[in-house]
Amino acid sequence: MKKEDPSQAGKLVTESPSYYDNLEKMSTGALLRGINEEDKTVPFAVEKAIPMIERLVNAIVPRMEQGGRMFYIGAGTSGRLGIVDASECPPTYGVPHDLVIGLIAGGDPAIRQAVEFAEDDYGQAWKDLSEYQISTQDVLIGIAASGRTPYVIGGLRDAQKQGIITGCITCNSHSEVGKYADYPIEVVVGPEFVTGSTRMKSGTAQKLILNMISTTVMIRLGKVRGNKMVDMQLSNTKLVKRGVNMIMAELDVDEATAQELLEKFGSVRQAIDSTRT
């Protein structure tokens, strides 16, 4: 059953006691409904953060228009979410694999399995970023639900010292991570259904915000036409079919013609543009 709002004095919101208790005594249906009730609050928390997200996006776009890159750093769930977002940009928008880069404390092995104490090193993020020759052309976004992850704090701190634009996504206000972000995004979603399990509401909020950032940036960079992913990579049958459908709809041609154009040009954008030049 749901409890009254717990006192959060002296505690991070992300570590505050759940509004629910005696979870092990609840039925499956009650657990699912409770989780769902908490999840419903996340988009409203993200909505409040839109002005913060807008400021960060407006700082990112000019850098990337001039050849800069966007980096994500994080640990655990936060790091994995950054890697997922970065890895989906090339197939979705046809951009190079090194345009959006996600790094996680502990390196690639930490994507699948937790690496103990990897997040506790303040200096490791800058070492990881230095392997990519990060510069003032680029933008660095630190992702940390708690807002106190040393790996992320250190990376943002060192980036700022080098004059690199920094942003962050965290789920506590007045966070330590936020102190080292030029464009902090602090979205407070409240206590987790399971106390401290920030892979839940906090992770959902971070995922929503990452979607908003990368999608808006790519649209602003001209990677979408109308509402279509005209630069997507044609890497499987489903995407080839989607490309054919885009061409059919845009040019009002039959499937065979659209298929022929796509095979000839290897790109939805080029296939469409070829008939208009």
C-alpha atoms as a PDB file:
ATOM      1  CA  MET A   1       0.000   0.000   0.000  1.00  0.00           C
ATOM      2  CA  LYS A   2       1.071   3.548  -0.637  1.00  0.00           C
ATOM      3  CA  LYS A   3       2.453   5.483   2.306  1.00  0.00           C
ATOM      4  CA  GLU A   4       2.514   9.167   3.036  1.00  0.00           C
ATOM      5  CA  ASP A   5       5.312  11.223   1.485  1.00  0.00           C
ATOM      6  CA  PRO A   6       8.419  10.370   3.533  1.00  0.00           C
ATOM      7  CA  SER A   7      10.621  13.048   5.045  1.00  0.00           C
ATOM      8  CA  GLN A   8      13.602  13.703   2.815  1.00  0.00           C
ATOM      9  CA  ALA A   9      15.542  15.937   5.177  1.00  0.00           C
ATOM     10  CA  GLY A  10      19.261  15.467   4.678  1.00  0.00           C
ATOM     11  CA  LYS A  11      18.808  12.876   1.946  1.00  0.00           C
ATOM     12  CA  LEU A  12      19.092  12.773  -1.813  1.00  0.00           C
ATOM     13  CA  VAL A  13      15.640  12.407  -3.331  1.00  0.00           C
ATOM     14  CA  THR A  14      16.898   9.438  -5.354  1.00  0.00           C
ATOM     15  CA  GLU A  15      17.785   7.690  -2.074  1.00  0.00           C
ATOM     16  CA  SER A  16      14.583   8.576  -0.241  1.00  0.00           C
ATOM     17  CA  PRO A  17      12.307   5.783   1.030  1.00  0.00           C
ATOM     18  CA  SER A  18       9.720   4.500  -1.394  1.00  0.00           C
ATOM     19  CA  TYR A  19       6.145   5.681  -1.041  1.00  0.00           C
ATOM     20  CA  TYR A  20       5.317   1.965  -0.803  1.00  0.00           C
ATOM     21  CA  ASP A  21       6.280  -0.586   1.846  1.00  0.00           C
ATOM     22  CA  ASN A  22       6.002  -4.312   2.525  1.00  0.00           C
ATOM     23  CA  LEU A  23       6.520  -4.967  -1.178  1.00  0.00           C
ATOM     24  CA  GLU A  24       7.150  -8.647  -0.570  1.00  0.00           C
ATOM     25  CA  LYS A  25       3.598  -8.968   0.781  1.00  0.00           C
ATOM     26  CA  MET A  26       1.917  -7.358  -2.214  1.00  0.00           C
ATOM     27  CA  SER A  27       0.259  -9.321  -5.012  1.00  0.00           C
ATOM     28  CA  THR A  28       1.687  -9.320  -8.520  1.00  0.00           C
ATOM     29  CA  GLY A  29      -1.106  -7.059  -9.714  1.00  0.00           C
ATOM     30  CA  ALA A  30      -0.590  -4.601  -6.869  1.00  0.00           C
ATOM     31  CA  LEU A  31       3.146  -4.455  -7.572  1.00  0.00           C
ATOM     32  CA  LEU A  32       2.591  -3.824 -11.265  1.00  0.00           C
ATOM     33  CA  ARG A  33      -0.009  -1.136 -10.612  1.00  0.00           C
ATOM     34  CA  GLY A  34       2.257   0.558  -8.076  1.00  0.00           C
ATOM     35  CA  ILE A  35       5.198   0.626 -10.474  1.00  0.00           C
ATOM     36  CA  ASN A  36       2.936   1.963 -13.208  1.00  0.00           C
ATOM     37  CA  GLU A  37       1.543   4.687 -10.947  1.00  0.00           C
ATOM     38  CA  GLU A  38       5.065   5.873 -10.216  1.00  0.00           C
ATOM     39  CA  ASP A  39       6.092   5.677 -13.875  1.00  0.00           C
ATOM     40  CA  LYS A  40       3.192   7.953 -14.826  1.00  0.00           C
ATOM     41  CA  THR A  41       4.812  10.804 -12.909  1.00  0.00           C
ATOM     42  CA  VAL A  42       8.023  10.781 -14.934  1.00  0.00           C
ATOM     43  CA  PRO A  43       6.888  12.648 -18.092  1.00  0.00           C
ATOM     44  CA  PHE A  44       5.508  15.464 -15.955  1.00  0.00           C
ATOM     45  CA  ALA A  45       8.862  15.838 -14.202  1.00  0.00           C
ATOM     46  CA  VAL A  46      10.614  15.875 -17.576  1.00  0.00           C
ATOM     47  CA  GLU A  47       8.180  18.499 -18.851  1.00  0.00           C
ATOM     48  CA  LYS A  48       9.322  20.874 -16.112  1.00  0.00           C
ATOM     49  CA  ALA A  49      12.883  20.453 -17.315  1.00  0.00           C
ATOM     50  CA  ILE A  50      12.220  21.395 -20.964  1.00  0.00           C
ATOM     51  CA  PRO A  51      13.681  24.926 -20.603  1.00  0.00           C
ATOM     52  CA  MET A  52      16.903  23.383 -19.279  1.00  0.00           C
ATOM     53  CA  ILE A  53      16.966  20.828 -22.094  1.00  0.00           C
ATOM     54  CA  GLU A  54      16.349  23.581 -24.650  1.00  0.00           C
ATOM     55  CA  ARG A  55      19.326  25.600 -23.438  1.00  0.00           C
ATOM     56  CA  LEU A  56      21.627  22.599 -23.727  1.00  0.00           C
ATOM     57  CA  VAL A  57      20.393  21.664 -27.220  1.00  0.00           C
ATOM     58  CA  ASN A  58      20.847  25.242 -28.393  1.00  0.00           C
ATOM     59  CA  ALA A  59      24.453  25.075 -27.192  1.00  0.00           C
ATOM     60  CA  ILE A  60      25.109  21.706 -28.863  1.00  0.00           C
ATOM     61  CA  VAL A  61      23.821  22.457 -32.364  1.00  0.00           C
ATOM     62  CA  PRO A  62      26.285  25.242 -33.303  1.00  0.00           C
ATOM     63  CA  ARG A  63      29.204  23.115 -32.122  1.00  0.00           C
ATOM     64  CA  MET A  64      28.113  20.140 -34.210  1.00  0.00           C
ATOM     65  CA  GLU A  65      27.384  22.337 -37.231  1.00  0.00           C
ATOM     66  CA  GLN A  66      31.050  23.335 -37.062  1.00  0.00           C
ATOM     67  CA  GLY A  67      32.267  19.731 -36.904  1.00  0.00           C
ATOM     68  CA  GLY A  68      32.099  19.107 -33.176  1.00  0.00           C
ATOM     69  CA  ARG A  69      30.955  15.929 -31.482  1.00  0.00           C
ATOM     70  CA  MET A  70      28.707  15.061 -28.559  1.00  0.00           C
ATOM     71  CA  PHE A  71      29.999  12.862 -25.744  1.00  0.00           C
ATOM     72  CA  TYR A  72      28.068  11.117 -22.968  1.00  0.00           C
ATOM     73  CA  ILE A  73      29.749   9.828 -19.816  1.00  0.00           C
ATOM     74  CA  GLY A  74      28.126   7.846 -17.021  1.00  0.00           C
ATOM     75  CA  ALA A  75      28.360   4.833 -14.745  1.00  0.00           C
ATOM     76  CA  GLY A  76      26.056   1.846 -14.428  1.00  0.00           C
ATOM     77  CA  THR A  77      22.559   2.375 -15.811  1.00  0.00           C
ATOM     78  CA  SER A  78      23.329   6.004 -16.658  1.00  0.00           C
ATOM     79  CA  GLY A  79      26.380   5.025 -18.683  1.00  0.00           C
ATOM     80  CA  ARG A  80      24.500   2.286 -20.503  1.00  0.00           C
ATOM     81  CA  LEU A  81      21.699   4.678 -21.427  1.00  0.00           C
ATOM     82  CA  GLY A  82      24.220   7.086 -22.931  1.00  0.00           C
ATOM     83  CA  ILE A  83      25.800   4.287 -24.951  1.00  0.00           C
ATOM     84  CA  VAL A  84      22.393   3.141 -26.220  1.00  0.00           C
ATOM     85  CA  ASP A  85      21.488   6.648 -27.352  1.00  0.00           C
ATOM     86  CA  ALA A  86      24.846   7.196 -29.035  1.00  0.00           C
ATOM     87  CA  SER A  87      24.772   3.820 -30.784  1.00  0.00           C
ATOM     88  CA  GLU A  88      21.338   4.484 -32.263  1.00  0.00           C
ATOM     89  CA  CYS A  89      22.255   7.773 -33.943  1.00  0.00           C
ATOM     90  CA  PRO A  90      24.210   6.302 -36.910  1.00  0.00           C
ATOM     91  CA  PRO A  91      21.536   3.831 -38.093  1.00  0.00           C
ATOM     92  CA  THR A  92      18.699   6.274 -37.470  1.00  0.00           C
ATOM     93  CA  TYR A  93      20.231   9.397 -38.974  1.00  0.00           C
ATOM     94  CA  GLY A  94      23.084   8.135 -41.140  1.00  0.00           C
ATOM     95  CA  VAL A  95      25.740  10.012 -39.167  1.00  0.00           C
ATOM     96  CA  PRO A  96      29.296   8.748 -38.548  1.00  0.00           C
ATOM     97  CA  HIS A  97      29.799   6.425 -35.587  1.00  0.00           C
ATOM     98  CA  ASP A  98      32.162   8.901 -33.969  1.00  0.00           C
ATOM     99  CA  LEU A  99      29.760  11.860 -34.012  1.00  0.00           C
ATOM    100  CA  VAL A 100      27.928  10.873 -30.814  1.00  0.00           C
ATOM    101  CA  ILE A 101      30.057   8.849 -28.399  1.00  0.00           C
ATOM    102  CA  GLY A 102      28.984   7.152 -25.182  1.00  0.00           C
ATOM    103  CA  LEU A 103      31.522   6.191 -22.516  1.00  0.00           C
ATOM    104  CA  ILE A 104      30.896   4.160 -19.354  1.00  0.00           C
ATOM    105  CA  ALA A 105      32.945   3.838 -16.189  1.00  0.00           C
ATOM    106  CA  GLY A 106      34.754   0.512 -16.388  1.00  0.00           C
ATOM    107  CA  GLY A 107      34.860   0.489 -20.181  1.00  0.00           C
ATOM    108  CA  ASP A 108      33.030  -1.848 -22.527  1.00  0.00           C
ATOM    109  CA  PRO A 109      32.911  -4.781 -20.054  1.00  0.00           C
ATOM    110  CA  ALA A 110      30.702  -2.607 -17.817  1.00  0.00           C
ATOM    111  CA  ILE A 111      28.022  -2.484 -20.506  1.00  0.00           C
ATOM    112  CA  ARG A 112      27.002  -6.041 -19.648  1.00  0.00           C
ATOM    113  CA  GLN A 113      28.301  -6.537 -16.129  1.00  0.00           C
ATOM    114  CA  ALA A 114      28.977  -4.171 -13.249  1.00  0.00           C
ATOM    115  CA  VAL A 115      32.661  -3.363 -12.730  1.00  0.00           C
ATOM    116  CA  GLU A 116      33.234  -2.847  -9.025  1.00  0.00           C
ATOM    117  CA  PHE A 117      34.320   0.636  -7.924  1.00  0.00           C
ATOM    118  CA  ALA A 118      34.867   1.787 -11.526  1.00  0.00           C
ATOM    119  CA  GLU A 119      32.712   4.844 -10.931  1.00  0.00           C
ATOM    120  CA  ASP A 120      34.755   5.998  -7.926  1.00  0.00           C
ATOM    121  CA  ASP A 121      37.773   7.312  -9.861  1.00  0.00           C
ATOM    122  CA  TYR A 122      37.565  11.092 -10.391  1.00  0.00           C
ATOM    123  CA  GLY A 123      40.325  11.046 -12.989  1.00  0.00           C
ATOM    124  CA  GLN A 124      39.343   8.121 -15.217  1.00  0.00           C
ATOM    125  CA  ALA A 125      36.699   9.877 -17.336  1.00  0.00           C
ATOM    126  CA  TRP A 126      39.177  12.441 -18.606  1.00  0.00           C
ATOM    127  CA  LYS A 127      41.606   9.646 -19.499  1.00  0.00           C
ATOM    128  CA  ASP A 128      38.818   7.919 -21.426  1.00  0.00           C
ATOM    129  CA  LEU A 129      37.798  11.142 -23.180  1.00  0.00           C
ATOM    130  CA  SER A 130      41.399  11.975 -24.050  1.00  0.00           C
ATOM    131  CA  GLU A 131      41.606   8.816 -26.147  1.00  0.00           C
ATOM    132  CA  TYR A 132      39.103  10.517 -28.467  1.00  0.00           C
ATOM    133  CA  GLN A 133      41.037  13.810 -28.555  1.00  0.00           C
ATOM    134  CA  ILE A 134      38.060  15.692 -27.114  1.00  0.00           C
ATOM    135  CA  SER A 135      38.412  19.432 -27.707  1.00  0.00           C
ATOM    136  CA  THR A 136      36.634  22.764 -27.368  1.00  0.00           C
ATOM    137  CA  GLN A 137      34.746  21.952 -30.573  1.00  0.00           C
ATOM    138  CA  ASP A 138      32.911  19.218 -28.688  1.00  0.00           C
ATOM    139  CA  VAL A 139      30.215  19.036 -26.002  1.00  0.00           C
ATOM    140  CA  LEU A 140      30.285  16.710 -22.984  1.00  0.00           C
ATOM    141  CA  ILE A 141      27.143  15.548 -21.173  1.00  0.00           C
ATOM    142  CA  GLY A 142      27.473  13.773 -17.832  1.00  0.00           C
ATOM    143  CA  ILE A 143      24.670  11.405 -16.847  1.00  0.00           C
ATOM    144  CA  ALA A 144      24.263  10.554 -13.161  1.00  0.00           C
ATOM    145  CA  ALA A 145      20.946   9.883 -11.450  1.00  0.00           C
ATOM    146  CA  SER A 146      22.377  10.633  -8.019  1.00  0.00           C
ATOM    147  CA  GLY A 147      24.362  13.626  -9.217  1.00  0.00           C
ATOM    148  CA  ARG A 148      27.349  12.558  -7.129  1.00  0.00           C
ATOM    149  CA  THR A 149      29.148   9.939  -9.252  1.00  0.00           C
ATOM    150  CA  PRO A 150      32.930  10.646  -9.074  1.00  0.00           C
ATOM    151  CA  TYR A 151      33.586   9.392 -12.628  1.00  0.00           C
ATOM    152  CA  VAL A 152      31.086  11.907 -14.002  1.00  0.00           C
ATOM    153  CA  ILE A 153      32.001  14.773 -11.664  1.00  0.00           C
ATOM    154  CA  GLY A 154      35.683  14.413 -12.524  1.00  0.00           C
ATOM    155  CA  GLY A 155      35.024  14.231 -16.251  1.00  0.00           C
ATOM    156  CA  LEU A 156      32.894  17.366 -16.258  1.00  0.00           C
ATOM    157  CA  ARG A 157      35.329  19.204 -13.988  1.00  0.00           C
ATOM    158  CA  ASP A 158      38.319  18.402 -16.180  1.00  0.00           C
ATOM    159  CA  ALA A 159      36.399  19.243 -19.356  1.00  0.00           C
ATOM    160  CA  GLN A 160      35.443  22.637 -17.971  1.00  0.00           C
ATOM    161  CA  LYS A 161      39.090  23.331 -17.179  1.00  0.00           C
ATOM    162  CA  GLN A 162      39.825  22.776 -20.862  1.00  0.00           C
ATOM    163  CA  GLY A 163      37.065  25.163 -21.976  1.00  0.00           C
ATOM    164  CA  ILE A 164      34.749  22.411 -23.230  1.00  0.00           C
ATOM    165  CA  ILE A 165      31.000  23.030 -22.994  1.00  0.00           C
ATOM    166  CA  THR A 166      29.422  20.710 -20.428  1.00  0.00           C
ATOM    167  CA  GLY A 167      25.901  19.583 -19.593  1.00  0.00           C
ATOM    168  CA  CYS A 168      24.441  17.001 -17.252  1.00  0.00           C
ATOM    169  CA  ILE A 169      21.328  14.924 -16.640  1.00  0.00           C
ATOM    170  CA  THR A 170      20.628  14.167 -12.996  1.00  0.00           C
ATOM    171  CA  CYS A 171      17.625  13.425 -10.816  1.00  0.00           C
ATOM    172  CA  ASN A 172      18.542  15.482  -7.748  1.00  0.00           C
ATOM    173  CA  SER A 173      18.421  19.236  -7.513  1.00  0.00           C
ATOM    174  CA  HIS A 174      21.493  21.272  -6.505  1.00  0.00           C
ATOM    175  CA  SER A 175      23.648  18.275  -7.367  1.00  0.00           C
ATOM    176  CA  GLU A 176      27.424  18.032  -7.297  1.00  0.00           C
ATOM    177  CA  VAL A 177      27.413  17.050 -10.972  1.00  0.00           C
ATOM    178  CA  GLY A 178      25.358  20.156 -11.727  1.00  0.00           C
ATOM    179  CA  LYS A 179      28.098  22.375 -10.289  1.00  0.00           C
ATOM    180  CA  TYR A 180      30.382  21.319 -13.135  1.00  0.00           C
ATOM    181  CA  ALA A 181      27.797  21.598 -15.910  1.00  0.00           C
ATOM    182  CA  ASP A 182      27.370  24.782 -17.930  1.00  0.00           C
ATOM    183  CA  TYR A 183      23.914  23.517 -18.844  1.00  0.00           C
ATOM    184  CA  PRO A 184      22.568  21.333 -16.020  1.00  0.00           C
ATOM    185  CA  ILE A 185      19.361  19.352 -16.454  1.00  0.00           C
ATOM    186  CA  GLU A 186      17.977  18.360 -13.073  1.00  0.00           C
ATOM    187  CA  VAL A 187      14.757  16.370 -13.305  1.00  0.00           C
ATOM    188  CA  VAL A 188      13.447  15.302  -9.896  1.00  0.00           C
ATOM    189  CA  VAL A 189      11.201  12.270 -10.229  1.00  0.00           C
ATOM    190  CA  GLY A 190      10.940  11.492  -6.518  1.00  0.00           C
ATOM    191  CA  PRO A 191      11.589   8.261  -4.590  1.00  0.00           C
ATOM    192  CA  GLU A 192      11.821   5.026  -6.531  1.00  0.00           C
ATOM    193  CA  PHE A 193       9.265   2.227  -6.138  1.00  0.00           C
ATOM    194  CA  VAL A 194      12.109   0.104  -4.761  1.00  0.00           C
ATOM    195  CA  THR A 195      14.098   2.507  -2.598  1.00  0.00           C
ATOM    196  CA  GLY A 196      17.252   3.711  -4.366  1.00  0.00           C
ATOM    197  CA  SER A 197      16.684   1.642  -7.537  1.00  0.00           C
ATOM    198  CA  THR A 198      17.458   4.469  -9.939  1.00  0.00           C
ATOM    199  CA  ARG A 199      17.273   2.211 -12.974  1.00  0.00           C
ATOM    200  CA  MET A 200      13.513   2.695 -12.640  1.00  0.00           C
ATOM    201  CA  LYS A 201      11.974   6.206 -12.664  1.00  0.00           C
ATOM    202  CA  SER A 202      15.316   7.980 -12.804  1.00  0.00           C
ATOM    203  CA  GLY A 203      16.493   5.774 -15.662  1.00  0.00           C
ATOM    204  CA  THR A 204      13.231   6.354 -17.516  1.00  0.00           C
ATOM    205  CA  ALA A 205      13.610  10.116 -17.115  1.00  0.00           C
ATOM    206  CA  GLN A 206      17.187   9.985 -18.366  1.00  0.00           C
ATOM    207  CA  LYS A 207      16.167   7.918 -21.381  1.00  0.00           C
ATOM    208  CA  LEU A 208      13.375  10.357 -22.255  1.00  0.00           C
ATOM    209  CA  ILE A 209      15.740  13.309 -22.017  1.00  0.00           C
ATOM    210  CA  LEU A 210      18.420  11.602 -24.094  1.00  0.00           C
ATOM    211  CA  ASN A 211      15.781  10.884 -26.742  1.00  0.00           C
ATOM    212  CA  MET A 212      14.801  14.548 -26.699  1.00  0.00           C
ATOM    213  CA  ILE A 213      18.368  15.825 -26.938  1.00  0.00           C
ATOM    214  CA  SER A 214      19.649  13.585 -29.732  1.00  0.00           C
ATOM    215  CA  THR A 215      16.437  13.701 -31.762  1.00  0.00           C
ATOM    216  CA  THR A 216      16.163  17.481 -31.590  1.00  0.00           C
ATOM    217  CA  VAL A 217      19.855  17.928 -32.385  1.00  0.00           C
ATOM    218  CA  MET A 218      19.605  15.655 -35.423  1.00  0.00           C
ATOM    219  CA  ILE A 219      16.496  17.431 -36.695  1.00  0.00           C
ATOM    220  CA  ARG A 220      18.244  20.784 -36.272  1.00  0.00           C
ATOM    221  CA  LEU A 221      21.230  19.386 -38.199  1.00  0.00           C
ATOM    222  CA  GLY A 222      18.942  18.559 -41.133  1.00  0.00           C
ATOM    223  CA  LYS A 223      18.872  14.789 -40.697  1.00  0.00           C
ATOM    224  CA  VAL A 224      15.069  14.623 -40.933  1.00  0.00           C
ATOM    225  CA  ARG A 225      12.880  15.753 -43.831  1.00  0.00           C
ATOM    226  CA  GLY A 226       9.244  16.379 -42.996  1.00  0.00           C
ATOM    227  CA  ASN A 227       8.958  13.705 -40.343  1.00  0.00           C
ATOM    228  CA  LYS A 228      11.005  11.030 -42.101  1.00  0.00           C
ATOM    229  CA  MET A 229      14.447   9.541 -41.373  1.00  0.00           C
ATOM    230  CA  VAL A 230      15.669  10.108 -44.915  1.00  0.00           C
ATOM    231  CA  ASP A 231      19.327   9.501 -44.006  1.00  0.00           C
ATOM    232  CA  MET A 232      18.816   6.232 -42.113  1.00  0.00           C
ATOM    233  CA  GLN A 233      21.137   3.326 -42.820  1.00  0.00           C
ATOM    234  CA  LEU A 234      19.531   0.573 -44.871  1.00  0.00           C
ATOM    235  CA  SER A 235      20.982  -2.155 -42.686  1.00  0.00           C
ATOM    236  CA  ASN A 236      18.189  -4.735 -42.700  1.00  0.00           C
ATOM    237  CA  THR A 237      15.100  -5.816 -44.622  1.00  0.00           C
ATOM    238  CA  LYS A 238      12.745  -3.861 -42.375  1.00  0.00           C
ATOM    239  CA  LEU A 239      14.609  -0.626 -42.975  1.00  0.00           C
ATOM    240  CA  VAL A 240      14.856  -1.217 -46.716  1.00  0.00           C
ATOM    241  CA  LYS A 241      11.093  -1.695 -46.791  1.00  0.00           C
ATOM    242  CA  ARG A 242      10.631   1.481 -44.777  1.00  0.00           C
ATOM    243  CA  GLY A 243      12.845   3.317 -47.247  1.00  0.00           C
ATOM    244  CA  VAL A 244      10.833   2.042 -50.187  1.00  0.00           C
ATOM    245  CA  ASN A 245       7.616   3.191 -48.512  1.00  0.00           C
ATOM    246  CA  MET A 246       9.099   6.652 -47.903  1.00  0.00           C
ATOM    247  CA  ILE A 247      10.005   7.016 -51.563  1.00  0.00           C
ATOM    248  CA  MET A 248       6.592   5.771 -52.685  1.00  0.00           C
ATOM    249  CA  ALA A 249       4.832   8.291 -50.474  1.00  0.00           C
ATOM    250  CA  GLU A 250       7.136  11.208 -51.316  1.00  0.00           C
ATOM    251  CA  LEU A 251       7.268  10.702 -55.083  1.00  0.00           C
ATOM    252  CA  ASP A 252       3.887   9.042 -55.634  1.00  0.00           C
ATOM    253  CA  VAL A 253       5.449   6.104 -57.482  1.00  0.00           C
ATOM    254  CA  ASP A 254       4.766   2.382 -57.335  1.00  0.00           C
ATOM    255  CA  GLU A 255       6.755  -0.061 -55.218  1.00  0.00           C
ATOM    256  CA  ALA A 256       8.861  -1.384 -58.092  1.00  0.00           C
ATOM    257  CA  THR A 257       9.961   2.112 -59.090  1.00  0.00           C
ATOM    258  CA  ALA A 258      10.736   3.049 -55.502  1.00  0.00           C
ATOM    259  CA  GLN A 259      12.744  -0.149 -55.054  1.00  0.00           C
ATOM    260  CA  GLU A 260      14.711   0.569 -58.213  1.00  0.00           C
ATOM    261  CA  LEU A 261      15.508   4.114 -57.114  1.00  0.00           C
ATOM    262  CA  LEU A 262      16.620   2.961 -53.681  1.00  0.00           C
ATOM    263  CA  GLU A 263      18.885   0.278 -55.148  1.00  0.00           C
ATOM    264  CA  LYS A 264      20.381   2.789 -57.565  1.00  0.00           C
ATOM    265  CA  PHE A 265      21.137   5.544 -55.083  1.00  0.00           C
ATOM    266  CA  GLY A 266      21.450   3.579 -51.807  1.00  0.00           C
ATOM    267  CA  SER A 267      19.830   6.420 -49.886  1.00  0.00           C
ATOM    268  CA  VAL A 268      16.265   7.597 -49.382  1.00  0.00           C
ATOM    269  CA  ARG A 269      17.331  11.225 -49.532  1.00  0.00           C
ATOM    270  CA  GLN A 270      19.336  10.804 -52.726  1.00  0.00           C
ATOM    271  CA  ALA A 271      16.593   8.743 -54.352  1.00  0.00           C
ATOM    272  CA  ILE A 272      14.041  11.480 -53.668  1.00  0.00           C
ATOM    273  CA  ASP A 273      16.371  14.302 -54.668  1.00  0.00           C
ATOM    274  CA  SER A 274      17.342  12.561 -57.906  1.00  0.00           C
ATOM    275  CA  THR A 275      13.892  13.209 -59.380  1.00  0.00           C
ATOM    276  CA  ARG A 276      13.947  16.879 -58.450  1.00  0.00           C
ATOM    277  CA  THR A 277      17.194  17.991 -60.022  1.00  0.00           C
END
